[in-house]
């Protein structure tokens, strides 16, 4: 499994995204120049320049185009141009239009205008059209299984727009990032642009400051701005995970006044409600009372539901949360003919190893039918696999 991780140390903008993805994908910059020259029916030259930011070598994107390409365009016109293009796939068309739609809906809400005719601050610009379509195009080429972004940084200060001075982050950026965790820092400038915010919103599988996996490729890119308090650098990592690594939530609570029957019922109820696992650990609590620590493992989207269930169905008055990183091996089931019986096998695969175990029910059936001890049957099956 491949994960693309956007380490956004200074927010996100469209040009920085494209510059980084060009390096990760290995696509030649002239490919984009030719694509957009045909798209706009006018000469477009895209240049990838190498520069240094605080001693770190980065890619910086520059776009040069004829005046014929620089026309005023609303969302409806941009959508028509994308749909009529024969140069990009249906997936790239869909992704590009949806990113534009995210910005258009935000601007429409802010300015109280129809989405198709809304006045855009940057979407109508050639640069933004190229940034968004290029992002969709390059991500299709990279084809990651998962895309993860660090927490978006929004900056501060005042920004000049076509409507006059507006606060940073811009109203459009704030509207786009609604529903995501963000962090505002005193940068005195805009860090995440509406285009960058829309890219995050559309592709975001997860926002997380941590990541895991084997680093396959690293890209550093920058924009045209420089900041006093932080480096204007986007770092993109391509990570390889042969086994499955992801974040889960651990929910914990301590109890000392539940019966064995209640604990058993709680375990069954929690598992049936979608928990990955639940287990009880003996502990000594206040006043030297013996009790149990209840631990529930679940996916992030199940955490709130299972927390409420635990509070409702147990005697605890409070719970604890923590985020955990979990790595599991790829698993599949196979079968084996053994002494006239079909044995189900569990096969676990890692980077350079495989582990195979007989399924309990299969071993138990053979043991019951033949009168052979369970352990003997188990070991004989393992020897037959050698």
Protein backbone atom coordinates (compact mmCIF):
# COMPACT_ATOMS: atom_id res chain seq x y z
CA UNK A 1 0.00 0.00 0.00
CA UNK A 2 1.32 3.44 -0.95
CA UNK A 3 0.60 6.55 1.12
CA UNK A 4 1.25 10.12 -0.02
CA UNK A 5 1.94 12.37 2.96
CA UNK A 6 1.78 16.17 2.67
CA UNK A 7 3.96 17.68 5.39
CA UNK A 8 2.71 21.27 5.27
CA UNK A 9 5.20 23.29 7.32
CA UNK A 10 3.90 26.56 5.85
CA UNK A 11 0.43 25.78 4.57
CA UNK A 12 -0.44 24.81 1.01
CA UNK A 13 -0.75 26.55 -2.34
CA UNK A 14 -1.42 25.15 -5.79
CA UNK A 15 1.98 25.91 -7.32
CA UNK A 16 3.84 24.26 -4.42
CA UNK A 17 1.64 21.19 -4.75
CA UNK A 18 2.35 20.80 -8.47
CA UNK A 19 6.09 21.37 -8.02
CA UNK A 20 6.27 18.63 -5.40
CA UNK A 21 4.08 16.16 -7.29
CA UNK A 22 6.15 16.59 -10.46
CA UNK A 23 9.17 15.30 -8.56
CA UNK A 24 7.29 12.39 -6.96
CA UNK A 25 5.62 11.32 -10.21
CA UNK A 26 8.67 11.63 -12.45
CA UNK A 27 6.53 13.33 -15.11
CA UNK A 28 8.49 15.78 -17.27
CA UNK A 29 7.45 19.40 -16.96
CA UNK A 30 7.25 19.72 -20.74
CA UNK A 31 4.40 17.20 -20.64
CA UNK A 32 2.33 19.74 -18.71
CA UNK A 33 3.42 22.58 -21.00
CA UNK A 34 2.21 20.67 -24.04
CA UNK A 35 -1.01 19.61 -22.31
CA UNK A 36 -2.01 23.16 -21.34
CA UNK A 37 -0.92 24.75 -24.60
CA UNK A 38 -3.44 22.48 -26.27
CA UNK A 39 -6.00 23.00 -23.48
CA UNK A 40 -5.96 26.80 -23.80
CA UNK A 41 -5.29 26.80 -27.57
CA UNK A 42 -2.49 29.19 -26.72
CA UNK A 43 1.19 28.81 -25.80
CA UNK A 44 1.79 27.89 -22.16
CA UNK A 45 5.29 27.38 -20.79
CA UNK A 46 5.71 25.72 -17.40
CA UNK A 47 9.18 25.88 -15.84
CA UNK A 48 10.46 24.00 -12.80
CA UNK A 49 13.28 25.92 -11.17
CA UNK A 50 15.67 24.70 -8.48
CA UNK A 51 16.23 27.07 -5.57
CA UNK A 52 17.32 26.95 -1.93
CA UNK A 53 15.19 27.80 1.09
CA UNK A 54 17.22 27.98 4.30
CA UNK A 55 19.80 25.70 2.68
CA UNK A 56 17.25 23.12 1.50
CA UNK A 57 17.05 22.44 -2.25
CA UNK A 58 13.47 22.93 -3.45
CA UNK A 59 11.50 22.98 -6.68
CA UNK A 60 9.65 26.16 -7.60
CA UNK A 61 7.03 26.37 -10.35
CA UNK A 62 6.72 29.23 -12.84
CA UNK A 63 4.02 29.57 -15.48
CA UNK A 64 4.27 31.77 -18.57
CA UNK A 65 1.33 32.12 -20.96
CA UNK A 66 0.06 34.28 -23.80
CA UNK A 67 -2.55 36.93 -23.13
CA UNK A 68 -5.02 34.87 -25.17
CA UNK A 69 -5.19 32.36 -22.33
CA UNK A 70 -5.84 35.01 -19.68
CA UNK A 71 -9.57 35.44 -20.08
CA UNK A 72 -12.14 36.04 -17.37
CA UNK A 73 -13.86 32.73 -16.60
CA UNK A 74 -16.54 31.67 -14.16
CA UNK A 75 -17.10 28.20 -12.75
CA UNK A 76 -19.54 27.20 -15.49
CA UNK A 77 -17.05 28.12 -18.23
CA UNK A 78 -14.17 26.31 -16.55
CA UNK A 79 -16.32 23.21 -16.15
CA UNK A 80 -17.22 23.28 -19.85
CA UNK A 81 -13.54 23.60 -20.83
CA UNK A 82 -12.56 20.61 -18.70
CA UNK A 83 -15.41 18.39 -19.90
CA UNK A 84 -14.66 19.16 -23.56
CA UNK A 85 -10.94 18.35 -23.26
CA UNK A 86 -9.73 15.15 -24.92
CA UNK A 87 -6.30 15.37 -23.27
CA UNK A 88 -7.22 14.23 -19.77
CA UNK A 89 -8.97 11.15 -18.39
CA UNK A 90 -12.49 11.05 -17.00
CA UNK A 91 -11.08 10.71 -13.49
CA UNK A 92 -8.93 13.82 -13.89
CA UNK A 93 -11.94 15.70 -15.26
CA UNK A 94 -14.09 14.65 -12.31
CA UNK A 95 -11.44 15.43 -9.69
CA UNK A 96 -10.62 18.82 -11.23
CA UNK A 97 -14.25 19.89 -11.47
CA UNK A 98 -14.95 18.84 -7.89
CA UNK A 99 -11.98 20.85 -6.59
CA UNK A 100 -13.25 23.88 -8.50
CA UNK A 101 -16.73 23.22 -7.14
CA UNK A 102 -15.45 23.29 -3.55
CA UNK A 103 -14.02 26.77 -4.12
CA UNK A 104 -17.07 27.91 -6.07
CA UNK A 105 -19.47 26.81 -3.33
CA UNK A 106 -17.41 28.61 -0.69
CA UNK A 107 -17.23 31.84 -2.74
CA UNK A 108 -20.93 31.56 -3.53
CA UNK A 109 -21.79 31.38 0.16
CA UNK A 110 -19.45 34.22 1.11
CA UNK A 111 -20.62 36.61 -1.63
CA UNK A 112 -24.23 35.49 -1.91
CA UNK A 113 -24.09 34.72 -5.63
CA UNK A 114 -25.12 31.85 -7.88
CA UNK A 115 -22.43 29.18 -7.98
CA UNK A 116 -22.11 29.17 -11.79
CA UNK A 117 -21.65 32.93 -12.02
CA UNK A 118 -19.81 33.60 -8.77
CA UNK A 119 -16.95 36.10 -8.87
CA UNK A 120 -13.75 34.24 -8.03
CA UNK A 121 -10.66 35.69 -6.41
CA UNK A 122 -8.33 33.18 -8.08
CA UNK A 123 -10.21 30.33 -9.73
CA UNK A 124 -10.60 32.21 -13.01
CA UNK A 125 -6.85 32.81 -13.22
CA UNK A 126 -4.84 30.65 -15.60
CA UNK A 127 -2.42 29.77 -12.80
CA UNK A 128 -5.19 28.24 -10.70
CA UNK A 129 -6.67 26.29 -13.61
CA UNK A 130 -3.24 24.83 -14.30
CA UNK A 131 -2.55 24.15 -10.61
CA UNK A 132 -5.81 22.26 -10.05
CA UNK A 133 -5.84 20.21 -13.25
CA UNK A 134 -2.12 19.43 -12.86
CA UNK A 135 -2.69 18.23 -9.30
CA UNK A 136 -5.46 15.87 -10.42
CA UNK A 137 -3.38 14.71 -13.40
CA UNK A 138 -0.22 14.00 -11.37
CA UNK A 139 -2.08 12.28 -8.55
CA UNK A 140 -3.68 9.96 -11.09
CA UNK A 141 -0.18 9.08 -12.34
CA UNK A 142 1.15 8.49 -8.81
CA UNK A 143 -2.02 6.60 -7.85
CA UNK A 144 -1.54 6.46 -4.05
CA UNK A 145 -3.78 4.20 -2.01
CA UNK A 146 -4.14 6.89 0.62
CA UNK A 147 -3.43 10.62 0.90
CA UNK A 148 -2.72 12.13 4.32
CA UNK A 149 -2.18 15.81 5.15
CA UNK A 150 -0.63 17.34 8.23
CA UNK A 151 -2.76 19.93 10.06
CA UNK A 152 -3.41 22.90 7.70
CA UNK A 153 -1.78 26.16 8.82
CA UNK A 154 -3.79 29.27 7.99
CA UNK A 155 -1.58 32.25 8.78
CA UNK A 156 -2.66 35.72 9.88
CA UNK A 157 -2.78 39.36 8.81
CA UNK A 158 -4.57 41.27 6.06
CA UNK A 159 -4.84 40.24 2.41
CA UNK A 160 -5.55 42.51 -0.55
CA UNK A 161 -8.30 41.20 -2.83
CA UNK A 162 -10.43 42.48 -5.68
CA UNK A 163 -13.06 43.38 -3.08
CA UNK A 164 -10.60 45.24 -0.86
CA UNK A 165 -8.74 44.27 2.29
CA UNK A 166 -9.86 40.97 3.85
CA UNK A 167 -8.63 39.04 6.91
CA UNK A 168 -6.23 36.11 6.72
CA UNK A 169 -7.21 33.34 6.47
CA UNK A 170 -9.61 34.50 3.79
CA UNK A 171 -13.34 33.84 4.30
CA UNK A 172 -13.25 31.39 1.37
CA UNK A 173 -10.36 29.44 2.89
CA UNK A 174 -12.12 29.24 6.25
CA UNK A 175 -15.34 28.07 4.61
CA UNK A 176 -13.52 25.39 2.61
CA UNK A 177 -11.66 24.05 5.65
CA UNK A 178 -14.83 23.83 7.74
CA UNK A 179 -14.99 20.40 9.35
CA UNK A 180 -11.20 19.91 9.40
CA UNK A 181 -8.82 20.60 12.28
CA UNK A 182 -6.72 23.67 11.47
CA UNK A 183 -4.02 25.69 13.20
CA UNK A 184 -3.63 29.45 12.94
CA UNK A 185 -0.15 30.84 13.49
CA UNK A 186 1.23 34.38 13.50
CA UNK A 187 2.89 34.40 10.09
CA UNK A 188 1.74 37.86 9.02
CA UNK A 189 0.66 36.47 5.66
CA UNK A 190 -1.56 33.91 3.94
CA UNK A 191 -0.24 30.35 4.23
CA UNK A 192 -3.03 28.15 2.89
CA UNK A 193 -4.75 29.58 -0.20
CA UNK A 194 -8.30 28.74 -1.32
CA UNK A 195 -6.83 26.47 -4.01
CA UNK A 196 -4.62 24.73 -1.46
CA UNK A 197 -7.54 24.40 0.95
CA UNK A 198 -9.75 22.88 -1.77
CA UNK A 199 -7.05 20.33 -2.64
CA UNK A 200 -6.85 19.34 1.03
CA UNK A 201 -10.63 19.15 1.39
CA UNK A 202 -11.13 17.00 -1.72
CA UNK A 203 -8.27 14.52 -1.30
CA UNK A 204 -8.04 14.40 2.48
CA UNK A 205 -8.32 10.84 3.79
CA UNK A 206 -6.91 11.98 7.09
CA UNK A 207 -5.07 14.86 8.79
CA UNK A 208 -2.34 13.67 11.09
CA UNK A 209 0.96 15.05 12.25
CA UNK A 210 2.43 11.52 12.43
CA UNK A 211 3.07 8.96 9.70
CA UNK A 212 4.66 5.55 9.31
CA UNK A 213 6.05 3.45 6.48
CA UNK A 214 9.16 3.05 4.37
CA UNK A 215 10.10 6.28 2.58
CA UNK A 216 10.23 5.66 -1.18
CA UNK A 217 10.57 9.25 -2.39
CA UNK A 218 10.74 12.74 -0.90
CA UNK A 219 9.99 16.05 -2.62
CA UNK A 220 10.62 19.59 -1.39
CA UNK A 221 8.88 22.51 -3.06
CA UNK A 222 8.38 26.19 -2.37
CA UNK A 223 6.39 29.17 -3.61
CA UNK A 224 7.22 32.77 -4.39
CA UNK A 225 6.81 34.07 -0.83
CA UNK A 226 9.30 34.03 2.02
CA UNK A 227 8.41 34.23 5.69
CA UNK A 228 10.42 35.51 8.62
CA UNK A 229 9.21 32.97 11.17
CA UNK A 230 9.00 29.74 9.18
CA UNK A 231 10.38 28.17 5.97
CA UNK A 232 8.07 28.36 2.97
CA UNK A 233 8.50 24.66 2.21
CA UNK A 234 6.12 21.85 1.32
CA UNK A 235 7.49 18.35 1.89
CA UNK A 236 5.73 15.44 0.18
CA UNK A 237 6.60 11.87 1.14
CA UNK A 238 5.73 8.72 -0.77
CA UNK A 239 5.53 5.91 1.77
CA UNK A 240 5.38 2.18 1.11
CA UNK A 241 3.56 -0.14 3.48
CA UNK A 242 3.60 -3.84 2.59
CA UNK A 243 1.57 -4.46 5.70
CA UNK A 244 -1.33 -2.32 6.77
CA UNK A 245 -0.39 0.63 8.98
CA UNK A 246 -3.03 3.04 10.20
CA UNK A 247 -4.28 4.97 13.18
CA UNK A 248 -6.86 3.64 15.58
CA UNK A 249 -8.47 4.95 18.76
CA UNK A 250 -8.11 3.29 22.15
CA UNK A 251 -10.94 3.94 24.62
CA UNK A 252 -10.27 3.10 28.27
CA UNK A 253 -12.24 3.04 31.51
CA UNK A 254 -11.74 1.51 34.96
CA UNK A 255 -14.53 -0.28 36.85
CA UNK A 256 -14.65 -2.13 40.16
CA UNK A 257 -18.35 -2.81 40.68
CA UNK A 258 -19.53 -4.85 37.67
CA UNK A 259 -20.32 -8.57 37.84
CA UNK A 260 -18.74 -11.19 35.60
CA UNK A 261 -22.01 -11.56 33.73
CA UNK A 262 -22.18 -7.81 33.10
CA UNK A 263 -18.57 -7.73 31.88
CA UNK A 264 -19.15 -10.64 29.51
CA UNK A 265 -22.31 -9.06 28.11
CA UNK A 266 -20.48 -5.74 27.65
CA UNK A 267 -17.69 -7.42 25.67
CA UNK A 268 -20.15 -9.11 23.30
CA UNK A 269 -22.15 -5.90 22.88
CA UNK A 270 -19.09 -3.77 22.08
CA UNK A 271 -17.72 -6.28 19.56
CA UNK A 272 -21.08 -6.56 17.81
CA UNK A 273 -21.16 -2.75 17.56
CA UNK A 274 -18.05 -2.59 15.38
CA UNK A 275 -15.07 -2.51 17.74
CA UNK A 276 -11.82 -3.96 16.42
CA UNK A 277 -11.09 -5.50 19.81
CA UNK A 278 -11.97 -5.26 23.50
CA UNK A 279 -10.07 -6.70 26.45
CA UNK A 280 -10.07 -6.49 30.25
CA UNK A 281 -6.95 -6.03 32.38
CA UNK A 282 -7.02 -6.72 36.16
CA UNK A 283 -6.03 -3.59 38.13
CA UNK A 284 -6.04 -2.36 41.72
CA UNK A 285 -8.02 0.86 42.09
CA UNK A 286 -8.66 3.35 44.89
CA UNK A 287 -8.96 1.93 48.41
CA UNK A 288 -7.13 -1.19 47.15
CA UNK A 289 -10.23 -2.42 45.36
CA UNK A 290 -9.63 -5.04 42.65
CA UNK A 291 -11.17 -4.04 39.35
CA UNK A 292 -10.72 -4.10 35.60
CA UNK A 293 -9.41 -1.69 33.01
CA UNK A 294 -11.67 -1.90 29.96
CA UNK A 295 -9.77 -1.27 26.70
CA UNK A 296 -11.58 -0.86 23.39
CA UNK A 297 -9.80 -0.54 20.04
CA UNK A 298 -11.74 0.96 17.15
CA UNK A 299 -11.46 2.99 13.95
CA UNK A 300 -11.70 6.79 14.42
CA UNK A 301 -15.18 6.96 12.89
CA UNK A 302 -16.51 4.52 15.53
CA UNK A 303 -14.96 6.25 18.56
CA UNK A 304 -17.85 8.55 19.48
CA UNK A 305 -20.52 5.85 19.12
CA UNK A 306 -18.59 3.24 21.13
CA UNK A 307 -17.73 5.80 23.82
CA UNK A 308 -21.39 6.59 24.34
CA UNK A 309 -22.17 2.86 24.40
CA UNK A 310 -19.50 2.22 27.03
CA UNK A 311 -20.81 5.04 29.22
CA UNK A 312 -24.36 3.74 28.87
CA UNK A 313 -23.73 0.01 29.37
CA UNK A 314 -21.01 0.04 32.03
CA UNK A 315 -20.75 1.54 35.51
CA UNK A 316 -17.93 3.94 34.63
CA UNK A 317 -18.46 7.68 35.02
CA UNK A 318 -15.73 8.67 32.58
CA UNK A 319 -13.53 7.43 29.76
CA UNK A 320 -10.09 8.14 28.29
CA UNK A 321 -9.08 8.45 24.64
CA UNK A 322 -5.72 7.98 22.96
CA UNK A 323 -4.67 7.65 19.33
CA UNK A 324 -2.59 4.60 18.52
CA UNK A 325 -0.68 3.52 15.44
CA UNK A 326 -1.41 -0.07 14.46
CA UNK A 327 0.39 -2.23 11.91
CA UNK A 328 -1.17 -5.50 10.80
CA UNK A 329 0.06 -8.08 8.33
CA UNK A 330 -1.77 -8.77 5.10
CA UNK A 331 -4.05 -11.76 5.73
CA UNK A 332 -5.73 -14.31 3.52
CA UNK A 333 -7.39 -17.70 3.96
CA UNK A 334 -6.37 -20.84 2.06
CA UNK A 335 -7.24 -24.53 2.44
CA UNK A 336 -5.34 -27.81 2.70
CA UNK A 337 -6.40 -31.45 2.36
CA UNK A 338 -5.19 -33.34 5.44
CA UNK A 339 -6.05 -37.02 6.09
CA UNK A 340 -9.36 -36.71 4.29
CA UNK A 341 -10.33 -33.43 5.96
CA UNK A 342 -10.31 -29.89 4.56
CA UNK A 343 -8.28 -27.62 6.83
CA UNK A 344 -8.69 -23.84 6.66
CA UNK A 345 -5.36 -22.02 6.96
CA UNK A 346 -4.66 -18.40 7.91
CA UNK A 347 -1.78 -16.91 5.93
CA UNK A 348 -0.06 -13.72 7.14
CA UNK A 349 2.42 -11.93 4.84
CA UNK A 350 5.10 -9.37 5.69
CA UNK A 351 7.92 -7.75 3.71
CA UNK A 352 10.09 -10.86 3.51
CA UNK A 353 8.24 -13.53 5.44
CA UNK A 354 5.05 -15.58 5.55
CA UNK A 355 3.34 -17.17 8.56
CA UNK A 356 0.69 -19.89 8.21
CA UNK A 357 -1.53 -21.25 10.97
CA UNK A 358 -4.37 -23.80 10.96
CA UNK A 359 -7.77 -22.34 11.85
CA UNK A 360 -9.02 -23.46 15.27
CA UNK A 361 -12.36 -24.84 14.05
CA UNK A 362 -10.67 -27.10 11.48
CA UNK A 363 -8.25 -28.55 14.03
CA UNK A 364 -11.04 -29.00 16.59
CA UNK A 365 -13.20 -30.90 14.08
CA UNK A 366 -10.39 -33.34 13.18
CA UNK A 367 -9.56 -33.82 16.86
CA UNK A 368 -13.20 -34.59 17.70
CA UNK A 369 -13.68 -36.94 14.74
CA UNK A 370 -10.44 -38.91 15.20
CA UNK A 371 -9.96 -38.74 18.96
CA UNK A 372 -6.45 -37.35 18.44
CA UNK A 373 -5.42 -34.63 20.91
CA UNK A 374 -5.86 -31.09 19.60
CA UNK A 375 -2.17 -30.21 19.97
CA UNK A 376 -1.07 -33.33 18.10
CA UNK A 377 -3.35 -32.55 15.14
CA UNK A 378 -2.17 -28.93 15.14
CA UNK A 379 1.52 -29.88 15.02
CA UNK A 380 0.97 -32.56 12.35
CA UNK A 381 -0.72 -30.01 10.10
CA UNK A 382 2.18 -27.59 10.57
CA UNK A 383 4.71 -30.34 9.73
CA UNK A 384 2.79 -31.15 6.54
CA UNK A 385 3.33 -27.56 5.43
CA UNK A 386 7.12 -27.73 5.74
